Amino acid sequence: MAKNGDEHDEMKQHCFGTPGLWEERGVSRRDFLKFCTAMSAALALPVSLAPRIAEALESDSRPSVIWLEFQSCTGDTEALLRAANPTVGEIVLDVLSVDYAETIMAAAGHQAEEARLKTLKERSGKYIAVVEGAIPMKDNGVYCCVGGRSAVDIAREVCGGAMATITVGTCASYGGIPAASPNPTGAVGVKDAVPGATVINLPGCPVNTDNLVATVVHILTFGKLPATDSKGRPLFAYGKRIHDNCERRPHFDAGQYVEQWGDQAHRAGHCLYKMGCKGPETFHNCPTQRYNEKTNWPVGSGHGCAGCSEPHFWDTMTPFYRRLPNVPGFGVEATADKIGLGVAAATAAAFGIHGVVSALRKGDESDAGKEG
């Protein structure tokens, strides 16, 4: 038995590294193991693959990253810098070689551009491109330039030579707010600007850092992008409708809706569908991953989903405080009011029947008592 135990310990050490390796980086071995297990869960993988994830993260090969920023508010960079768990940020920054990222790099001007060009030349086909912000196409892309070159020119060069391109935020994924009607700059997402690039989209305003980290971990572990939906989004993060995972879903099913901000139903945490929540037509893992150290998310704090992870949400999901006019394949828009009335009536009927049955049962018990 002792021998088997030793072999088990050796396997753990081989898969997870020596105890001092991550401690030298300020990360306890326990936290590292918890992170690997959490990543397997986030990727909808069996926990048994956690050792493989750990092995990939401990590899000496540090893939280079070029982080580009175009038409954006820098919200996705801010989200990364404020990652929920400091351990996550430390691991990613240790595992990855961030060779170019305008917001956080020390170099500026020509030195910064030289760093990007060096990675393009020396790591061609082996680096990961991360793009934040939309790409303007109108008038030869003159509406967004970096170092004297247009965003579209840079994107084609960088994304075209990357092993994979990860778009962070809705602007980089589908054009986002810059592409909203009338779209004066001709803004588009990366895939439309660079059709030949290998792209995976992580939309949201901002991106959930957990999803970004999980995507990078998947690439490092399996050498390929995770499975995606028809919109190029990873299924592990965007495979389910927000409405189906929402903690307020039982209130929807019960016909309990907020009718006015601040009313009793709002204070009681009832469904926000009538107040404009776009959860029934939005696919994202916000209810389960959440934000701010996994503390909360918009619906949890009392505000409806804005549908920000869907293409063209600014045009298709507005007005934000008016309920959806039509949800394909869902059928709630025309029956929300009826659901409330119908469920209430059914509930009342059920209680009525329960009361009758209870009375009969008590009567039977009473008669049985008398007979006894």
Protein backbone atom coordinates (compact mmCIF):
# COMPACT_ATOMS: atom_id res chain seq x y z
CA MET A 1 0.00 0.00 0.00
CA ALA A 2 2.83 2.34 0.84
CA LYS A 3 4.33 1.77 -2.60
CA ASN A 4 1.05 2.59 -4.30
CA GLY A 5 0.79 5.72 -2.20
CA ASP A 6 4.29 6.76 -3.25
CA GLU A 7 3.40 6.22 -6.91
CA HIS A 8 0.27 8.35 -6.43
CA ASP A 9 2.33 11.14 -4.89
CA GLU A 10 4.83 10.92 -7.76
CA MET A 11 2.01 11.18 -10.28
CA LYS A 12 0.62 14.24 -8.52
CA GLN A 13 4.09 15.80 -8.46
CA HIS A 14 4.56 15.05 -12.17
CA CYS A 15 1.18 16.55 -13.06
CA PHE A 16 1.13 19.46 -10.69
CA GLY A 17 4.80 20.27 -10.30
CA THR A 18 6.94 20.58 -7.23
CA PRO A 19 5.39 22.37 -4.27
CA GLY A 20 7.88 25.22 -4.49
CA LEU A 21 7.42 25.99 -8.17
CA TRP A 22 4.25 28.05 -7.87
CA GLU A 23 5.03 29.23 -4.36
CA GLU A 24 8.05 31.00 -5.83
CA ARG A 25 5.58 32.92 -7.97
CA GLY A 26 3.45 33.84 -4.97
CA VAL A 27 0.85 31.12 -5.60
CA SER A 28 0.34 28.31 -3.11
CA ARG A 29 0.18 24.78 -4.47
CA ARG A 30 -3.32 24.43 -3.05
CA ASP A 31 -4.50 27.55 -4.91
CA PHE A 32 -2.90 26.28 -8.10
CA LEU A 33 -4.72 22.96 -7.85
CA LYS A 34 -7.99 24.76 -7.09
CA PHE A 35 -7.47 26.95 -10.14
CA CYS A 36 -6.88 23.97 -12.43
CA THR A 37 -9.98 22.25 -11.07
CA ALA A 38 -12.02 25.45 -11.50
CA MET A 39 -10.81 25.74 -15.10
CA SER A 40 -11.93 22.20 -15.87
CA ALA A 41 -15.37 23.10 -14.50
CA ALA A 42 -15.52 26.38 -16.42
CA LEU A 43 -14.68 24.51 -19.63
CA ALA A 44 -17.34 21.87 -18.86
CA LEU A 45 -14.61 19.23 -18.72
CA PRO A 46 -14.36 16.30 -16.29
CA VAL A 47 -12.30 17.02 -13.18
CA SER A 48 -10.05 14.15 -14.19
CA LEU A 49 -8.54 16.48 -16.82
CA ALA A 50 -7.33 18.95 -14.17
CA PRO A 51 -3.86 17.31 -14.10
CA ARG A 52 -3.57 17.79 -17.85
CA ILE A 53 -4.47 21.46 -17.47
CA ALA A 54 -1.86 21.81 -14.73
CA GLU A 55 0.77 20.17 -16.90
CA ALA A 56 0.03 22.56 -19.75
CA LEU A 57 0.27 25.57 -17.45
CA GLU A 58 3.62 24.40 -16.12
CA SER A 59 5.10 23.94 -19.56
CA ASP A 60 8.27 25.90 -20.31
CA SER A 61 6.71 27.03 -23.57
CA ARG A 62 5.21 30.46 -23.02
CA PRO A 63 3.05 31.47 -25.99
CA SER A 64 3.45 35.08 -27.01
CA VAL A 65 0.44 37.38 -26.92
CA ILE A 66 -0.15 40.50 -28.97
CA TRP A 67 -3.05 42.49 -27.48
CA LEU A 68 -4.47 45.01 -29.94
CA GLU A 69 -6.86 47.80 -29.02
CA PHE A 70 -8.93 49.69 -31.57
CA GLN A 71 -12.39 51.34 -31.27
CA SER A 72 -13.05 50.55 -27.63
CA CYS A 73 -13.52 51.99 -24.15
CA THR A 74 -10.67 49.86 -22.70
CA GLY A 75 -13.26 48.12 -20.53
CA ASP A 76 -11.97 44.67 -21.43
CA THR A 77 -8.41 45.54 -20.45
CA GLU A 78 -9.75 46.98 -17.20
CA ALA A 79 -11.70 43.76 -16.63
CA LEU A 80 -8.52 41.70 -17.09
CA LEU A 81 -6.55 43.88 -14.69
CA ARG A 82 -9.34 43.47 -12.13
CA ALA A 83 -9.65 39.70 -12.47
CA ALA A 84 -11.87 38.21 -9.76
CA ASN A 85 -9.19 35.97 -8.31
CA PRO A 86 -5.64 37.37 -8.12
CA THR A 87 -4.35 33.83 -8.58
CA VAL A 88 -5.89 33.76 -12.04
CA GLY A 89 -4.10 36.92 -13.11
CA GLU A 90 -0.78 35.71 -11.72
CA ILE A 91 -1.02 32.39 -13.49
CA VAL A 92 -1.96 33.88 -16.84
CA LEU A 93 0.74 36.53 -16.69
CA ASP A 94 3.28 33.87 -15.70
CA VAL A 95 2.25 31.39 -18.38
CA LEU A 96 1.88 33.92 -21.19
CA SER A 97 4.46 36.22 -22.68
CA VAL A 98 2.54 39.45 -23.26
CA ASP A 99 4.84 41.01 -25.84
CA TYR A 100 2.55 43.85 -26.89
CA ALA A 101 -0.33 45.49 -25.02
CA GLU A 102 -0.54 49.25 -25.34
CA THR A 103 -2.32 49.90 -22.04
CA ILE A 104 0.02 47.94 -19.77
CA MET A 105 3.40 47.81 -21.54
CA ALA A 106 6.27 50.01 -20.45
CA ALA A 107 7.42 50.79 -23.98
CA ALA A 108 5.75 53.50 -26.05
CA GLY A 109 5.90 54.91 -29.55
CA HIS A 110 8.45 53.34 -31.88
CA GLN A 111 9.74 51.00 -29.16
CA ALA A 112 6.26 49.55 -28.69
CA GLU A 113 5.81 49.07 -32.42
CA GLU A 114 9.20 47.36 -32.64
CA ALA A 115 8.13 44.90 -29.93
CA ARG A 116 5.08 43.93 -31.96
CA LEU A 117 7.03 43.59 -35.20
CA LYS A 118 9.64 41.45 -33.48
CA THR A 119 7.00 38.99 -32.27
CA LEU A 120 5.41 38.88 -35.72
CA LYS A 121 8.74 37.98 -37.27
CA GLU A 122 10.12 35.56 -34.68
CA ARG A 123 6.88 33.86 -33.58
CA SER A 124 4.91 33.76 -36.82
CA GLY A 125 2.06 31.26 -36.55
CA LYS A 126 2.85 30.59 -32.88
CA TYR A 127 1.47 33.63 -31.05
CA ILE A 128 -2.04 34.41 -29.82
CA ALA A 129 -3.68 37.65 -30.91
CA VAL A 130 -6.18 39.28 -28.57
CA VAL A 131 -8.26 42.08 -30.07
CA GLU A 132 -10.26 44.65 -28.13
CA GLY A 133 -12.49 47.10 -29.97
CA ALA A 134 -14.16 47.34 -33.37
CA ILE A 135 -12.34 47.91 -36.65
CA PRO A 136 -13.52 50.81 -38.87
CA MET A 137 -13.52 49.97 -42.57
CA LYS A 138 -14.96 53.12 -44.13
CA ASP A 139 -12.63 55.49 -46.01
CA ASN A 140 -9.77 52.98 -45.92
CA GLY A 141 -9.95 52.68 -42.14
CA VAL A 142 -8.82 56.24 -41.46
CA TYR A 143 -11.02 56.54 -38.34
CA CYS A 144 -8.68 54.45 -36.17
CA CYS A 145 -4.93 54.56 -36.63
CA VAL A 146 -2.06 53.41 -34.43
CA GLY A 147 1.51 54.41 -35.21
CA GLY A 148 0.43 55.87 -38.53
CA ARG A 149 -1.26 52.66 -39.70
CA SER A 150 -4.97 51.88 -39.86
CA ALA A 151 -6.55 49.39 -37.48
CA VAL A 152 -7.65 47.18 -40.36
CA ASP A 153 -4.12 47.08 -41.76
CA ILE A 154 -2.66 46.10 -38.37
CA ALA A 155 -5.40 43.54 -37.73
CA ARG A 156 -4.84 41.83 -41.06
CA GLU A 157 -1.13 41.61 -40.38
CA VAL A 158 -1.38 40.43 -36.76
CA CYS A 159 -4.50 38.24 -36.87
CA GLY A 160 -3.57 36.80 -40.23
CA GLY A 161 -0.33 35.40 -38.83
CA ALA A 162 -1.60 34.26 -35.41
CA MET A 163 -2.21 30.67 -34.34
CA ALA A 164 -5.51 31.96 -32.94
CA THR A 165 -7.25 35.28 -32.45
CA ILE A 166 -9.43 35.89 -29.40
CA THR A 167 -11.81 38.83 -29.60
CA VAL A 168 -12.62 40.27 -26.19
CA GLY A 169 -15.83 42.25 -25.82
CA THR A 170 -18.73 42.78 -28.20
CA CYS A 171 -17.03 45.55 -30.17
CA ALA A 172 -14.19 43.30 -31.34
CA SER A 173 -16.57 40.38 -31.81
CA TYR A 174 -19.33 42.02 -33.84
CA GLY A 175 -18.67 45.76 -34.05
CA GLY A 176 -20.58 46.58 -30.86
CA ILE A 177 -21.52 50.18 -30.11
CA PRO A 178 -19.25 51.71 -32.80
CA ALA A 179 -21.19 49.66 -35.37
CA ALA A 180 -24.59 50.80 -34.11
CA SER A 181 -26.80 52.55 -36.66
CA PRO A 182 -25.89 54.64 -38.58
CA ASN A 183 -22.37 53.21 -38.13
CA PRO A 184 -20.56 56.30 -39.49
CA THR A 185 -17.10 54.68 -39.51
CA GLY A 186 -18.15 51.35 -41.02
CA ALA A 187 -17.12 49.50 -37.87
CA VAL A 188 -17.07 45.68 -37.92
CA GLY A 189 -15.83 42.79 -35.84
CA VAL A 190 -12.50 41.06 -36.43
CA LYS A 191 -13.88 38.15 -38.44
CA ASP A 192 -15.50 40.50 -40.93
CA ALA A 193 -12.30 42.52 -41.26
CA VAL A 194 -10.00 39.49 -41.49
CA PRO A 195 -12.13 36.64 -42.91
CA GLY A 196 -9.22 34.23 -43.17
CA ALA A 197 -8.17 34.47 -39.52
CA THR A 198 -8.87 31.76 -36.94
CA VAL A 199 -11.14 33.68 -34.57
CA ILE A 200 -13.06 32.88 -31.41
CA ASN A 201 -15.43 35.52 -30.06
CA LEU A 202 -15.86 36.40 -26.38
CA PRO A 203 -18.56 39.10 -26.52
CA GLY A 204 -19.87 41.00 -23.52
CA CYS A 205 -19.56 44.52 -22.14
CA PRO A 206 -17.01 43.89 -20.80
CA VAL A 207 -15.69 40.38 -21.40
CA ASN A 208 -15.84 38.10 -18.38
CA THR A 209 -12.19 37.49 -17.53
CA ASP A 210 -12.96 33.94 -16.41
CA ASN A 211 -14.06 33.12 -19.96
CA LEU A 212 -10.90 34.65 -21.42
CA VAL A 213 -8.68 32.69 -19.04
CA ALA A 214 -10.60 29.47 -19.72
CA THR A 215 -10.21 29.95 -23.48
CA VAL A 216 -6.46 30.49 -23.16
CA VAL A 217 -6.17 27.45 -20.88
CA HIS A 218 -8.06 25.35 -23.42
CA ILE A 219 -5.67 26.42 -26.18
CA LEU A 220 -2.63 25.65 -24.01
CA THR A 221 -4.02 22.29 -22.90
CA PHE A 222 -5.43 20.90 -26.15
CA GLY A 223 -3.65 22.95 -28.80
CA LYS A 224 -6.90 24.09 -30.39
CA LEU A 225 -9.86 26.39 -29.85
CA PRO A 226 -12.89 25.17 -27.88
CA ALA A 227 -16.08 24.18 -29.71
CA THR A 228 -18.16 27.19 -30.77
CA ASP A 229 -21.71 28.11 -31.75
CA SER A 230 -22.80 29.61 -35.07
CA LYS A 231 -21.67 33.06 -33.88
CA GLY A 232 -18.13 31.93 -33.13
CA ARG A 233 -18.59 31.87 -29.33
CA PRO A 234 -17.29 29.02 -27.14
CA LEU A 235 -20.12 26.74 -26.10
CA PHE A 236 -18.80 26.37 -22.56
CA ALA A 237 -19.54 30.07 -21.98
CA TYR A 238 -22.32 30.86 -24.46
CA GLY A 239 -24.10 27.54 -24.90
CA LYS A 240 -27.06 28.31 -22.65
CA ARG A 241 -29.61 31.10 -22.55
CA ILE A 242 -29.35 33.51 -19.62
CA HIS A 243 -33.07 33.02 -19.00
CA ASP A 244 -32.57 29.29 -18.43
CA ASN A 245 -29.92 29.76 -15.72
CA CYS A 246 -31.36 32.89 -14.11
CA GLU A 247 -32.10 32.72 -10.39
CA ARG A 248 -35.30 34.65 -11.10
CA ARG A 249 -36.60 32.04 -13.55
CA PRO A 250 -38.94 30.47 -10.95
CA HIS A 251 -40.67 33.86 -10.64
CA PHE A 252 -41.16 33.97 -14.40
CA ASP A 253 -42.68 30.50 -14.33
CA ALA A 254 -44.94 31.58 -11.48
CA GLY A 255 -46.04 34.74 -13.31
CA GLN A 256 -44.43 37.02 -10.73
CA TYR A 257 -43.13 40.12 -12.53
CA VAL A 258 -41.71 43.48 -11.57
CA GLU A 259 -44.20 46.06 -12.89
CA GLN A 260 -42.40 49.21 -11.77
CA TRP A 261 -38.92 49.97 -10.49
CA GLY A 262 -38.90 49.89 -6.71
CA ASP A 263 -42.24 48.13 -6.29
CA GLN A 264 -42.71 45.26 -3.88
CA ALA A 265 -42.03 42.68 -6.60
CA HIS A 266 -38.76 44.42 -7.44
CA ARG A 267 -37.72 44.42 -3.82
CA ALA A 268 -38.67 40.77 -3.55
CA GLY A 269 -36.47 39.82 -6.51
CA HIS A 270 -39.19 38.88 -9.00
CA CYS A 271 -38.72 38.47 -12.77
CA LEU A 272 -37.55 41.55 -14.72
CA TYR A 273 -38.92 40.46 -18.10
CA LYS A 274 -41.59 43.16 -18.23
CA MET A 275 -38.98 45.79 -17.35
CA GLY A 276 -37.00 45.00 -20.49
CA CYS A 277 -34.76 42.10 -19.46
CA LYS A 278 -33.26 40.53 -22.59
CA GLY A 279 -32.30 37.27 -20.89
CA PRO A 280 -34.75 35.18 -22.97
CA GLU A 281 -32.81 36.02 -26.16
CA THR A 282 -29.26 36.22 -24.83
CA PHE A 283 -26.71 33.42 -24.55
CA HIS A 284 -24.03 33.88 -21.89
CA ASN A 285 -22.92 32.35 -18.60
CA CYS A 286 -23.37 35.54 -16.55
CA PRO A 287 -25.71 33.86 -14.00
CA THR A 288 -23.12 31.21 -13.15
CA GLN A 289 -19.75 32.97 -13.61
CA ARG A 290 -20.86 36.43 -12.45
CA TYR A 291 -18.59 39.45 -11.95
CA ASN A 292 -16.80 41.24 -9.10
CA GLU A 293 -15.22 38.21 -7.47
CA LYS A 294 -18.23 36.16 -8.56
CA THR A 295 -20.36 38.25 -6.22
CA ASN A 296 -23.10 39.38 -8.55
CA TRP A 297 -24.31 40.19 -12.05
CA PRO A 298 -26.77 42.78 -13.45
CA VAL A 299 -29.97 40.76 -12.93
CA GLY A 300 -28.84 39.75 -9.45
CA SER A 301 -28.47 43.42 -8.55
CA GLY A 302 -31.95 44.24 -9.81
CA HIS A 303 -31.31 45.38 -13.40
CA GLY A 304 -32.42 43.48 -16.49
CA CYS A 305 -30.02 41.90 -18.96
CA ALA A 306 -29.19 44.25 -21.87
CA GLY A 307 -28.29 41.42 -24.24
CA CYS A 308 -24.78 42.80 -24.71
CA SER A 309 -23.24 39.49 -25.81
CA GLU A 310 -25.46 39.29 -28.89
CA PRO A 311 -24.53 40.73 -32.31
CA HIS A 312 -25.93 44.22 -33.00
CA PHE A 313 -27.48 44.35 -29.52
CA TRP A 314 -27.53 48.16 -29.49
CA ASP A 315 -29.93 48.16 -32.43
CA THR A 316 -31.88 44.95 -31.79
CA MET A 317 -32.26 45.04 -27.99
CA THR A 318 -33.28 48.68 -27.54
CA PRO A 319 -35.17 50.33 -25.93
CA PHE A 320 -33.51 48.56 -23.01
CA TYR A 321 -36.41 49.22 -20.63
CA ARG A 322 -39.09 47.88 -22.92
CA ARG A 323 -39.83 44.19 -23.05
CA LEU A 324 -38.83 42.19 -26.09
CA PRO A 325 -41.34 42.48 -28.95
CA ASN A 326 -40.55 39.04 -30.32
CA VAL A 327 -38.36 36.18 -29.12
CA PRO A 328 -37.98 33.50 -31.80
CA GLY A 329 -38.89 30.05 -30.56
CA PHE A 330 -39.65 31.24 -27.04
CA GLY A 331 -43.25 32.39 -27.13
CA VAL A 332 -43.28 34.55 -23.99
CA GLU A 333 -43.69 37.98 -25.53
CA ALA A 334 -47.37 37.55 -26.37
CA THR A 335 -48.30 35.63 -23.26
CA ALA A 336 -46.43 37.26 -20.39
CA ASP A 337 -49.58 38.88 -19.04
CA LYS A 338 -51.63 35.73 -19.63
CA ILE A 339 -48.99 33.62 -17.89
CA GLY A 340 -49.36 35.68 -14.76
CA LEU A 341 -53.13 35.41 -14.79
CA GLY A 342 -53.14 31.79 -15.88
CA VAL A 343 -50.63 30.66 -13.29
CA ALA A 344 -52.40 32.63 -10.59
CA ALA A 345 -55.71 31.01 -11.52
CA ALA A 346 -54.12 27.57 -11.70
CA THR A 347 -52.43 28.14 -8.37
CA ALA A 348 -55.67 29.29 -6.79
CA ALA A 349 -57.43 26.26 -8.23
CA ALA A 350 -54.70 24.00 -6.91
CA PHE A 351 -54.97 25.51 -3.45
CA GLY A 352 -58.73 25.18 -3.68
CA ILE A 353 -58.48 21.51 -4.58
CA HIS A 354 -55.88 21.03 -1.86
CA GLY A 355 -58.24 22.65 0.61
CA VAL A 356 -61.13 20.41 -0.42
CA VAL A 357 -58.96 17.30 -0.25
CA SER A 358 -57.59 18.34 3.12
CA ALA A 359 -61.11 18.97 4.43
CA LEU A 360 -62.30 15.59 3.16
CA ARG A 361 -59.25 13.92 4.63
CA LYS A 362 -59.84 15.58 7.97
CA GLY A 363 -63.52 14.58 7.73
CA ASP A 364 -62.56 10.97 7.05
CA GLU A 365 -60.12 11.01 9.93
CA SER A 366 -62.77 12.56 12.19
CA ASP A 367 -65.36 9.96 11.18
CA ALA A 368 -62.82 7.19 11.67
CA GLY A 369 -62.12 8.55 15.11
CA LYS A 370 -65.80 8.55 15.96
CA GLU A 371 -66.19 4.99 14.70
CA GLY A 372 -63.20 3.93 16.75
